[in-house]
């Protein structure tokens, strides 16, 4: 939800050099073909930019700062490290789970898709169908999902994006 009296934030697309425009075209096609985004006519619009990764490739980012200022945040308390250590004190074995591209697995809540719209120089507005990139709400949604899953498992906990399952044997 947006704060009372706020309007849908919209910004013009950022300028991009030809190399980034080509990468934008490729990534948008890939996301569209996979069903993660679709064309949009939303009144929202966040600009796209690129950040270079360590391996030299380009990561597409969406500047949701204007949206983050007017959205009502889902407050999620992060567990205290000391409490987690108490739960883990007798643990002998640890397993690490890495859910690759986890955000692709989370569908946007019906009715909220328009808020994820971003504007590009290539084929205009796009709206996300699934959590593809960041937003201030993204990690809170995943933390809530993690907490809902972890309470079903004895001696399991999570901290931010890390899940910890502790066998008793």
N, C-alpha and C. Protein backbone atom coordinates (compact mmCIF):
# COMPACT_ATOMS: atom_id res chain seq x y z
N UNK A 1 0.83 -1.18 0.00
CA UNK A 1 0.00 0.00 0.00
C UNK A 1 0.87 1.25 0.00
N UNK A 2 0.33 2.32 -0.56
CA UNK A 2 1.03 3.60 -0.54
C UNK A 2 0.55 4.41 0.65
N UNK A 3 1.42 5.28 1.14
CA UNK A 3 1.04 6.17 2.22
C UNK A 3 -0.11 7.06 1.76
N UNK A 4 -1.00 7.42 2.67
CA UNK A 4 -2.16 8.23 2.35
C UNK A 4 -1.74 9.54 1.68
N UNK A 5 -2.40 9.88 0.58
CA UNK A 5 -2.14 11.13 -0.11
C UNK A 5 -0.98 11.09 -1.09
N UNK A 6 -0.25 10.00 -1.16
CA UNK A 6 0.89 9.95 -2.09
C UNK A 6 0.42 9.52 -3.47
N UNK A 7 1.18 9.93 -4.48
CA UNK A 7 0.85 9.61 -5.86
C UNK A 7 1.84 8.57 -6.38
N UNK A 8 1.44 7.78 -7.37
CA UNK A 8 2.36 6.80 -7.93
C UNK A 8 3.62 7.49 -8.49
N UNK A 9 4.79 7.11 -7.99
CA UNK A 9 6.02 7.75 -8.48
C UNK A 9 6.36 7.30 -9.90
N UNK A 10 6.74 8.27 -10.72
CA UNK A 10 7.14 8.01 -12.10
C UNK A 10 8.35 8.87 -12.41
N UNK A 11 9.36 8.25 -13.04
CA UNK A 11 10.56 8.98 -13.45
C UNK A 11 10.87 8.62 -14.90
N UNK A 12 11.55 9.50 -15.57
CA UNK A 12 11.99 9.24 -16.95
C UNK A 12 13.12 8.21 -16.94
N UNK A 13 13.28 7.48 -18.04
CA UNK A 13 14.39 6.52 -18.08
C UNK A 13 15.74 7.23 -18.04
N UNK A 14 16.72 6.55 -17.45
CA UNK A 14 18.09 7.09 -17.42
C UNK A 14 18.73 6.88 -18.79
N UNK A 15 19.67 7.77 -19.12
CA UNK A 15 20.43 7.62 -20.36
C UNK A 15 21.33 6.40 -20.26
N UNK A 16 21.55 5.74 -21.39
CA UNK A 16 22.40 4.56 -21.43
C UNK A 16 23.27 4.59 -22.67
N UNK A 17 24.53 4.16 -22.53
CA UNK A 17 25.38 4.02 -23.72
C UNK A 17 24.90 2.84 -24.57
N UNK A 18 25.31 2.78 -25.83
CA UNK A 18 24.85 1.71 -26.72
C UNK A 18 25.07 0.29 -26.18
N UNK A 19 26.18 0.04 -25.51
CA UNK A 19 26.45 -1.29 -24.96
C UNK A 19 25.37 -1.68 -23.93
N UNK A 20 25.00 -0.74 -23.08
CA UNK A 20 23.97 -1.02 -22.07
C UNK A 20 22.59 -1.17 -22.71
N UNK A 21 22.31 -0.39 -23.75
CA UNK A 21 21.03 -0.54 -24.45
C UNK A 21 20.90 -1.93 -25.07
N UNK A 22 22.00 -2.42 -25.62
CA UNK A 22 21.99 -3.77 -26.19
C UNK A 22 21.76 -4.81 -25.09
N UNK A 23 22.44 -4.64 -23.96
CA UNK A 23 22.26 -5.56 -22.84
C UNK A 23 20.84 -5.47 -22.29
N UNK A 24 20.28 -4.27 -22.24
CA UNK A 24 18.90 -4.09 -21.80
C UNK A 24 17.95 -4.87 -22.70
N UNK A 25 18.14 -4.72 -24.00
CA UNK A 25 17.31 -5.46 -24.97
C UNK A 25 17.39 -6.96 -24.70
N UNK A 26 18.60 -7.49 -24.52
CA UNK A 26 18.78 -8.93 -24.30
C UNK A 26 18.14 -9.40 -23.00
N UNK A 27 18.35 -8.65 -21.92
CA UNK A 27 17.80 -9.06 -20.63
C UNK A 27 16.27 -8.95 -20.61
N UNK A 28 15.73 -7.91 -21.21
CA UNK A 28 14.27 -7.78 -21.26
C UNK A 28 13.64 -8.92 -22.06
N UNK A 29 14.27 -9.28 -23.17
CA UNK A 29 13.76 -10.40 -23.98
C UNK A 29 13.79 -11.69 -23.16
N UNK A 30 14.88 -11.92 -22.46
CA UNK A 30 15.01 -13.13 -21.64
C UNK A 30 13.93 -13.17 -20.54
N UNK A 31 13.74 -12.05 -19.85
CA UNK A 31 12.74 -11.98 -18.78
C UNK A 31 11.32 -12.12 -19.33
N UNK A 32 11.08 -11.52 -20.49
CA UNK A 32 9.75 -11.61 -21.12
C UNK A 32 9.47 -13.04 -21.56
N UNK A 33 10.45 -13.67 -22.20
CA UNK A 33 10.28 -15.05 -22.67
C UNK A 33 10.05 -16.01 -21.50
N UNK A 34 10.66 -15.73 -20.35
CA UNK A 34 10.51 -16.59 -19.18
C UNK A 34 9.20 -16.32 -18.42
N UNK A 35 8.49 -15.24 -18.78
CA UNK A 35 7.23 -14.92 -18.11
C UNK A 35 7.39 -14.15 -16.81
N UNK A 36 8.58 -13.58 -16.58
CA UNK A 36 8.81 -12.83 -15.35
C UNK A 36 8.33 -11.38 -15.45
N UNK A 37 8.22 -10.86 -16.68
CA UNK A 37 7.73 -9.50 -16.88
C UNK A 37 6.73 -9.50 -18.03
N UNK A 38 5.99 -8.40 -18.15
CA UNK A 38 5.06 -8.24 -19.26
C UNK A 38 4.97 -6.75 -19.58
N UNK A 39 4.50 -6.39 -20.79
CA UNK A 39 4.30 -4.97 -21.11
C UNK A 39 3.28 -4.36 -20.16
N UNK A 40 3.36 -3.04 -19.97
CA UNK A 40 2.49 -2.39 -18.99
C UNK A 40 2.02 -1.03 -19.47
N UNK A 41 0.90 -0.59 -18.91
CA UNK A 41 0.39 0.77 -19.12
C UNK A 41 0.16 1.42 -17.76
N UNK A 42 0.97 1.08 -16.80
CA UNK A 42 0.83 1.55 -15.42
C UNK A 42 1.16 3.03 -15.29
N UNK A 43 0.63 3.65 -14.25
CA UNK A 43 0.97 5.05 -13.96
C UNK A 43 2.25 5.13 -13.13
N UNK A 44 2.80 4.00 -12.72
CA UNK A 44 4.09 3.95 -12.02
C UNK A 44 5.20 3.84 -13.06
N UNK A 45 6.41 4.13 -12.66
CA UNK A 45 7.55 3.94 -13.57
C UNK A 45 8.86 4.28 -12.89
N UNK A 46 9.68 3.26 -12.67
CA UNK A 46 11.01 3.44 -12.08
C UNK A 46 12.06 3.25 -13.17
N UNK A 47 13.12 4.06 -13.17
CA UNK A 47 14.14 3.93 -14.21
C UNK A 47 15.06 2.72 -13.98
N UNK A 48 15.65 2.26 -15.08
CA UNK A 48 16.57 1.12 -15.07
C UNK A 48 17.99 1.64 -15.22
N UNK A 49 18.92 0.96 -14.56
CA UNK A 49 20.34 1.25 -14.72
C UNK A 49 21.10 -0.07 -14.63
N UNK A 50 22.38 -0.04 -14.95
CA UNK A 50 23.20 -1.25 -14.88
C UNK A 50 24.35 -1.06 -13.91
N UNK A 51 24.70 -2.16 -13.26
CA UNK A 51 25.86 -2.21 -12.36
C UNK A 51 26.75 -3.34 -12.86
N UNK A 52 28.04 -3.07 -12.95
CA UNK A 52 28.96 -4.10 -13.42
C UNK A 52 29.24 -5.10 -12.30
N UNK A 53 29.15 -6.39 -12.62
CA UNK A 53 29.45 -7.45 -11.66
C UNK A 53 30.96 -7.69 -11.63
N UNK A 54 31.40 -8.49 -10.65
CA UNK A 54 32.83 -8.81 -10.53
C UNK A 54 33.37 -9.49 -11.78
N UNK A 55 32.53 -10.30 -12.42
CA UNK A 55 32.98 -11.03 -13.61
C UNK A 55 32.92 -10.18 -14.89
N UNK A 56 32.52 -8.91 -14.76
CA UNK A 56 32.48 -8.00 -15.90
C UNK A 56 31.12 -7.90 -16.58
N UNK A 57 30.22 -8.83 -16.30
CA UNK A 57 28.89 -8.78 -16.91
C UNK A 57 28.06 -7.67 -16.24
N UNK A 58 26.93 -7.36 -16.83
CA UNK A 58 26.10 -6.27 -16.34
C UNK A 58 24.86 -6.80 -15.62
N UNK A 59 24.59 -6.25 -14.44
CA UNK A 59 23.39 -6.59 -13.68
C UNK A 59 22.38 -5.46 -13.87
N UNK A 60 21.18 -5.81 -14.32
CA UNK A 60 20.13 -4.80 -14.47
C UNK A 60 19.54 -4.49 -13.10
N UNK A 61 19.46 -3.22 -12.78
CA UNK A 61 18.91 -2.76 -11.50
C UNK A 61 17.78 -1.78 -11.79
N UNK A 62 16.83 -1.72 -10.88
CA UNK A 62 15.72 -0.79 -11.03
C UNK A 62 15.75 0.15 -9.83
N UNK A 63 15.70 1.44 -10.10
CA UNK A 63 15.80 2.45 -9.06
C UNK A 63 14.43 2.71 -8.44
N UNK A 64 14.11 1.96 -7.39
CA UNK A 64 12.82 2.08 -6.71
C UNK A 64 12.87 3.05 -5.53
N UNK A 65 13.86 3.92 -5.46
CA UNK A 65 13.95 4.82 -4.31
C UNK A 65 12.70 5.68 -4.15
N UNK A 66 12.14 6.18 -5.25
CA UNK A 66 10.93 7.02 -5.15
C UNK A 66 9.75 6.20 -4.61
N UNK A 67 9.60 4.96 -5.06
CA UNK A 67 8.53 4.09 -4.55
C UNK A 67 8.77 3.75 -3.09
N UNK A 68 10.02 3.46 -2.73
CA UNK A 68 10.33 3.11 -1.34
C UNK A 68 9.97 4.22 -0.36
N UNK A 69 10.00 5.47 -0.82
CA UNK A 69 9.67 6.60 0.06
C UNK A 69 8.19 6.67 0.40
N UNK A 70 7.32 6.17 -0.49
CA UNK A 70 5.87 6.32 -0.28
C UNK A 70 5.14 5.02 0.03
N UNK A 71 5.86 3.92 0.05
CA UNK A 71 5.20 2.63 0.31
C UNK A 71 5.16 2.36 1.81
N UNK A 72 4.08 1.75 2.28
CA UNK A 72 3.98 1.37 3.69
C UNK A 72 4.77 0.09 3.87
N UNK A 73 5.76 0.13 4.73
CA UNK A 73 6.68 -0.99 4.92
C UNK A 73 6.06 -2.08 5.78
N UNK A 74 6.38 -3.31 5.46
CA UNK A 74 6.01 -4.46 6.26
C UNK A 74 7.12 -4.63 7.30
N UNK A 75 6.86 -4.26 8.52
CA UNK A 75 7.88 -4.32 9.57
C UNK A 75 8.15 -5.77 9.95
N UNK A 76 9.39 -6.18 9.83
CA UNK A 76 9.77 -7.54 10.20
C UNK A 76 10.97 -7.47 11.12
N UNK A 77 10.85 -7.95 12.35
CA UNK A 77 11.99 -7.90 13.27
C UNK A 77 13.01 -8.99 12.92
N UNK A 78 14.25 -8.61 12.79
CA UNK A 78 15.32 -9.58 12.55
C UNK A 78 15.67 -10.22 13.88
N UNK A 79 15.75 -11.57 13.93
CA UNK A 79 16.07 -12.24 15.19
C UNK A 79 17.44 -11.79 15.72
N UNK A 80 17.57 -11.80 17.03
CA UNK A 80 18.85 -11.45 17.65
C UNK A 80 19.84 -12.60 17.46
N UNK A 81 21.07 -12.25 17.13
CA UNK A 81 22.11 -13.27 16.93
C UNK A 81 22.27 -14.10 18.20
N UNK A 82 22.24 -13.48 19.37
CA UNK A 82 22.41 -14.20 20.63
C UNK A 82 21.34 -15.28 20.79
N UNK A 83 20.10 -14.98 20.41
CA UNK A 83 19.03 -15.98 20.48
C UNK A 83 19.29 -17.14 19.53
N UNK A 84 19.81 -16.84 18.35
CA UNK A 84 20.12 -17.91 17.40
C UNK A 84 21.24 -18.79 17.93
N UNK A 85 22.26 -18.18 18.54
CA UNK A 85 23.36 -18.97 19.11
C UNK A 85 22.84 -19.89 20.22
N UNK A 86 21.89 -19.41 21.01
CA UNK A 86 21.30 -20.26 22.05
C UNK A 86 20.63 -21.49 21.43
N UNK A 87 19.95 -21.30 20.32
CA UNK A 87 19.28 -22.42 19.66
C UNK A 87 20.28 -23.39 19.02
N UNK A 88 21.45 -22.88 18.67
CA UNK A 88 22.43 -23.68 17.95
C UNK A 88 23.54 -24.25 18.82
N UNK A 89 23.48 -24.03 20.14
CA UNK A 89 24.62 -24.34 20.99
C UNK A 89 25.06 -25.80 20.96
N UNK A 90 24.16 -26.75 20.79
CA UNK A 90 24.55 -28.16 20.78
C UNK A 90 24.62 -28.74 19.37
N UNK A 91 24.51 -27.91 18.40
CA UNK A 91 24.53 -28.38 17.02
C UNK A 91 25.93 -28.86 16.63
N UNK A 92 25.96 -29.96 15.89
CA UNK A 92 27.23 -30.49 15.41
C UNK A 92 27.32 -30.41 13.90
N UNK A 93 26.19 -30.41 13.22
CA UNK A 93 26.18 -30.40 11.77
C UNK A 93 25.35 -29.22 11.28
N UNK A 94 25.84 -28.59 10.24
CA UNK A 94 25.14 -27.46 9.65
C UNK A 94 25.01 -27.68 8.15
N UNK A 95 23.90 -27.27 7.59
CA UNK A 95 23.68 -27.38 6.16
C UNK A 95 23.35 -26.00 5.62
N UNK A 96 23.97 -25.67 4.51
CA UNK A 96 23.69 -24.38 3.88
C UNK A 96 22.87 -24.62 2.62
N UNK A 97 21.76 -23.91 2.49
CA UNK A 97 20.93 -23.99 1.30
C UNK A 97 21.05 -22.67 0.55
N UNK A 98 21.33 -22.75 -0.74
CA UNK A 98 21.41 -21.54 -1.55
C UNK A 98 20.35 -21.66 -2.64
N UNK A 99 19.31 -20.87 -2.52
CA UNK A 99 18.23 -20.90 -3.50
C UNK A 99 18.56 -19.92 -4.62
N UNK A 100 19.10 -20.44 -5.70
CA UNK A 100 19.54 -19.61 -6.82
C UNK A 100 18.34 -18.86 -7.40
N UNK A 101 18.53 -17.58 -7.62
CA UNK A 101 17.48 -16.73 -8.20
C UNK A 101 16.16 -16.89 -7.46
N UNK A 102 16.23 -16.88 -6.15
CA UNK A 102 15.06 -17.13 -5.32
C UNK A 102 13.91 -16.17 -5.61
N UNK A 103 14.24 -14.94 -5.93
CA UNK A 103 13.18 -13.96 -6.14
C UNK A 103 12.29 -14.32 -7.33
N UNK A 104 12.84 -15.06 -8.30
CA UNK A 104 12.02 -15.51 -9.43
C UNK A 104 10.91 -16.44 -8.96
N UNK A 105 11.06 -17.04 -7.80
CA UNK A 105 10.10 -18.02 -7.31
C UNK A 105 8.94 -17.37 -6.55
N UNK A 106 9.00 -16.06 -6.32
CA UNK A 106 7.97 -15.37 -5.54
C UNK A 106 7.09 -14.54 -6.47
N UNK A 107 5.83 -14.90 -6.55
CA UNK A 107 4.89 -14.15 -7.39
C UNK A 107 4.49 -12.85 -6.70
N UNK A 108 4.37 -11.79 -7.48
CA UNK A 108 3.92 -10.50 -6.97
C UNK A 108 2.46 -10.65 -6.55
N UNK A 109 2.09 -10.06 -5.42
CA UNK A 109 0.71 -10.12 -4.94
C UNK A 109 -0.22 -9.52 -5.98
N UNK A 110 -1.32 -10.22 -6.25
CA UNK A 110 -2.28 -9.74 -7.23
C UNK A 110 -2.76 -8.34 -6.84
N UNK A 111 -2.73 -7.43 -7.79
CA UNK A 111 -3.14 -6.06 -7.54
C UNK A 111 -1.95 -5.13 -7.28
N UNK A 112 -0.79 -5.71 -6.95
CA UNK A 112 0.40 -4.89 -6.68
C UNK A 112 1.37 -4.86 -7.86
N UNK A 113 1.08 -5.58 -8.92
CA UNK A 113 2.00 -5.65 -10.05
C UNK A 113 2.35 -4.28 -10.60
N UNK A 114 1.37 -3.37 -10.67
CA UNK A 114 1.61 -2.05 -11.25
C UNK A 114 2.70 -1.29 -10.52
N UNK A 115 2.84 -1.51 -9.21
CA UNK A 115 3.86 -0.81 -8.42
C UNK A 115 5.27 -1.20 -8.83
N UNK A 116 5.42 -2.36 -9.45
CA UNK A 116 6.76 -2.83 -9.84
C UNK A 116 7.15 -2.36 -11.23
N UNK A 117 6.33 -1.55 -11.86
CA UNK A 117 6.59 -1.13 -13.24
C UNK A 117 7.86 -0.31 -13.33
N UNK A 118 8.63 -0.59 -14.38
CA UNK A 118 9.81 0.21 -14.65
C UNK A 118 9.79 0.66 -16.10
N UNK A 119 10.47 1.76 -16.34
CA UNK A 119 10.44 2.41 -17.64
C UNK A 119 11.81 2.24 -18.31
N UNK A 120 11.78 1.91 -19.62
CA UNK A 120 13.03 1.71 -20.36
C UNK A 120 12.96 2.45 -21.69
N UNK A 121 14.12 2.65 -22.29
CA UNK A 121 14.16 3.23 -23.62
C UNK A 121 13.75 2.19 -24.65
N UNK A 122 13.80 0.93 -24.26
CA UNK A 122 13.49 -0.15 -25.20
C UNK A 122 12.08 -0.67 -24.93
N UNK A 123 11.15 -0.36 -25.78
CA UNK A 123 9.77 -0.86 -25.68
C UNK A 123 9.04 -0.44 -24.42
N UNK A 124 9.34 0.72 -23.88
CA UNK A 124 8.52 1.34 -22.84
C UNK A 124 8.44 0.66 -21.49
N UNK A 125 7.23 0.65 -20.92
CA UNK A 125 7.02 0.17 -19.56
C UNK A 125 6.93 -1.35 -19.48
N UNK A 126 7.49 -1.89 -18.39
CA UNK A 126 7.40 -3.32 -18.11
C UNK A 126 6.95 -3.49 -16.67
N UNK A 127 6.11 -4.49 -16.43
CA UNK A 127 5.63 -4.79 -15.08
C UNK A 127 6.08 -6.19 -14.72
N UNK A 128 6.53 -6.35 -13.48
CA UNK A 128 7.00 -7.66 -13.03
C UNK A 128 5.82 -8.57 -12.70
N UNK A 129 5.97 -9.83 -13.02
CA UNK A 129 5.02 -10.86 -12.62
C UNK A 129 5.54 -11.55 -11.36
N UNK A 130 6.86 -11.61 -11.24
CA UNK A 130 7.51 -12.24 -10.10
C UNK A 130 8.58 -11.30 -9.58
N UNK A 131 9.04 -11.56 -8.36
CA UNK A 131 10.09 -10.73 -7.76
C UNK A 131 11.38 -10.97 -8.51
N UNK A 132 11.73 -10.07 -9.42
CA UNK A 132 12.94 -10.25 -10.20
C UNK A 132 14.09 -9.45 -9.61
N UNK A 133 13.83 -8.24 -9.20
CA UNK A 133 14.87 -7.37 -8.68
C UNK A 133 14.45 -6.80 -7.34
N UNK A 134 15.27 -5.92 -6.82
CA UNK A 134 15.06 -5.44 -5.46
C UNK A 134 13.93 -4.43 -5.33
N UNK A 135 13.55 -4.23 -4.12
CA UNK A 135 12.61 -3.23 -3.66
C UNK A 135 12.71 -3.33 -2.15
N UNK A 136 12.42 -2.29 -1.43
CA UNK A 136 12.61 -2.36 0.02
C UNK A 136 11.71 -3.43 0.64
N UNK A 137 10.60 -3.75 -0.02
CA UNK A 137 9.65 -4.72 0.49
C UNK A 137 10.07 -6.15 0.22
N UNK A 138 10.94 -6.36 -0.75
CA UNK A 138 11.31 -7.70 -1.19
C UNK A 138 11.87 -8.57 -0.07
N UNK A 139 12.89 -8.10 0.64
CA UNK A 139 13.50 -8.93 1.68
C UNK A 139 12.54 -9.17 2.83
N UNK A 140 11.68 -8.21 3.13
CA UNK A 140 10.70 -8.41 4.21
C UNK A 140 9.70 -9.50 3.84
N UNK A 141 9.29 -9.53 2.60
CA UNK A 141 8.37 -10.57 2.14
C UNK A 141 9.02 -11.93 2.28
N UNK A 142 10.27 -12.04 1.85
CA UNK A 142 10.97 -13.33 1.94
C UNK A 142 11.22 -13.71 3.39
N UNK A 143 11.54 -12.76 4.25
CA UNK A 143 11.72 -13.08 5.67
C UNK A 143 10.43 -13.60 6.29
N UNK A 144 9.30 -13.00 5.94
CA UNK A 144 8.01 -13.49 6.44
C UNK A 144 7.74 -14.91 5.95
N UNK A 145 8.03 -15.18 4.68
CA UNK A 145 7.85 -16.53 4.15
C UNK A 145 8.76 -17.52 4.88
N UNK A 146 10.03 -17.13 5.08
CA UNK A 146 10.97 -18.00 5.79
C UNK A 146 10.46 -18.32 7.18
N UNK A 147 10.00 -17.32 7.90
CA UNK A 147 9.51 -17.54 9.26
C UNK A 147 8.33 -18.50 9.26
N UNK A 148 7.43 -18.35 8.30
CA UNK A 148 6.28 -19.25 8.20
C UNK A 148 6.72 -20.69 7.95
N UNK A 149 7.79 -20.88 7.16
CA UNK A 149 8.29 -22.23 6.87
C UNK A 149 9.05 -22.80 8.06
N UNK A 150 9.90 -21.98 8.67
CA UNK A 150 10.80 -22.45 9.72
C UNK A 150 10.05 -22.88 10.97
N UNK A 151 8.94 -22.23 11.31
CA UNK A 151 8.21 -22.61 12.52
C UNK A 151 7.65 -24.03 12.43
N UNK A 152 7.55 -24.57 11.23
CA UNK A 152 7.05 -25.93 11.05
C UNK A 152 8.12 -26.99 11.32
N UNK A 153 9.39 -26.57 11.38
CA UNK A 153 10.51 -27.51 11.52
C UNK A 153 11.11 -27.36 12.91
N UNK A 154 11.14 -28.46 13.71
CA UNK A 154 11.75 -28.36 15.04
C UNK A 154 13.23 -27.99 14.92
N UNK A 155 13.70 -27.16 15.82
CA UNK A 155 15.10 -26.72 15.89
C UNK A 155 15.60 -26.13 14.56
N UNK A 156 14.77 -25.33 13.96
CA UNK A 156 15.17 -24.63 12.74
C UNK A 156 14.98 -23.14 12.98
N UNK A 157 15.82 -22.35 12.36
CA UNK A 157 15.71 -20.90 12.49
C UNK A 157 16.23 -20.27 11.20
N UNK A 158 16.01 -18.99 11.09
CA UNK A 158 16.57 -18.27 9.95
C UNK A 158 16.98 -16.88 10.40
N UNK A 159 17.95 -16.35 9.68
CA UNK A 159 18.43 -15.00 9.93
C UNK A 159 18.67 -14.37 8.58
N UNK A 160 17.91 -13.30 8.31
CA UNK A 160 17.90 -12.65 7.00
C UNK A 160 17.61 -13.70 5.96
N UNK A 161 18.52 -13.92 4.97
CA UNK A 161 18.21 -14.91 3.93
C UNK A 161 18.77 -16.29 4.23
N UNK A 162 19.31 -16.52 5.42
CA UNK A 162 19.93 -17.80 5.77
C UNK A 162 18.98 -18.66 6.57
N UNK A 163 18.84 -19.92 6.15
CA UNK A 163 18.04 -20.88 6.90
C UNK A 163 18.99 -21.83 7.60
N UNK A 164 18.69 -22.15 8.85
CA UNK A 164 19.54 -23.05 9.63
C UNK A 164 18.65 -24.14 10.20
N UNK A 165 18.99 -25.38 9.89
CA UNK A 165 18.27 -26.52 10.44
C UNK A 165 19.25 -27.31 11.29
N UNK A 166 18.86 -27.61 12.51
CA UNK A 166 19.77 -28.24 13.46
C UNK A 166 19.25 -29.62 13.84
N UNK A 167 19.93 -30.69 13.38
CA UNK A 167 19.51 -32.02 13.80
C UNK A 167 19.86 -32.24 15.27
N UNK A 168 19.07 -33.03 15.97
CA UNK A 168 19.33 -33.27 17.39
C UNK A 168 20.32 -34.39 17.61
N UNK A 169 20.57 -35.21 16.61
CA UNK A 169 21.50 -36.34 16.78
C UNK A 169 22.93 -35.90 16.56
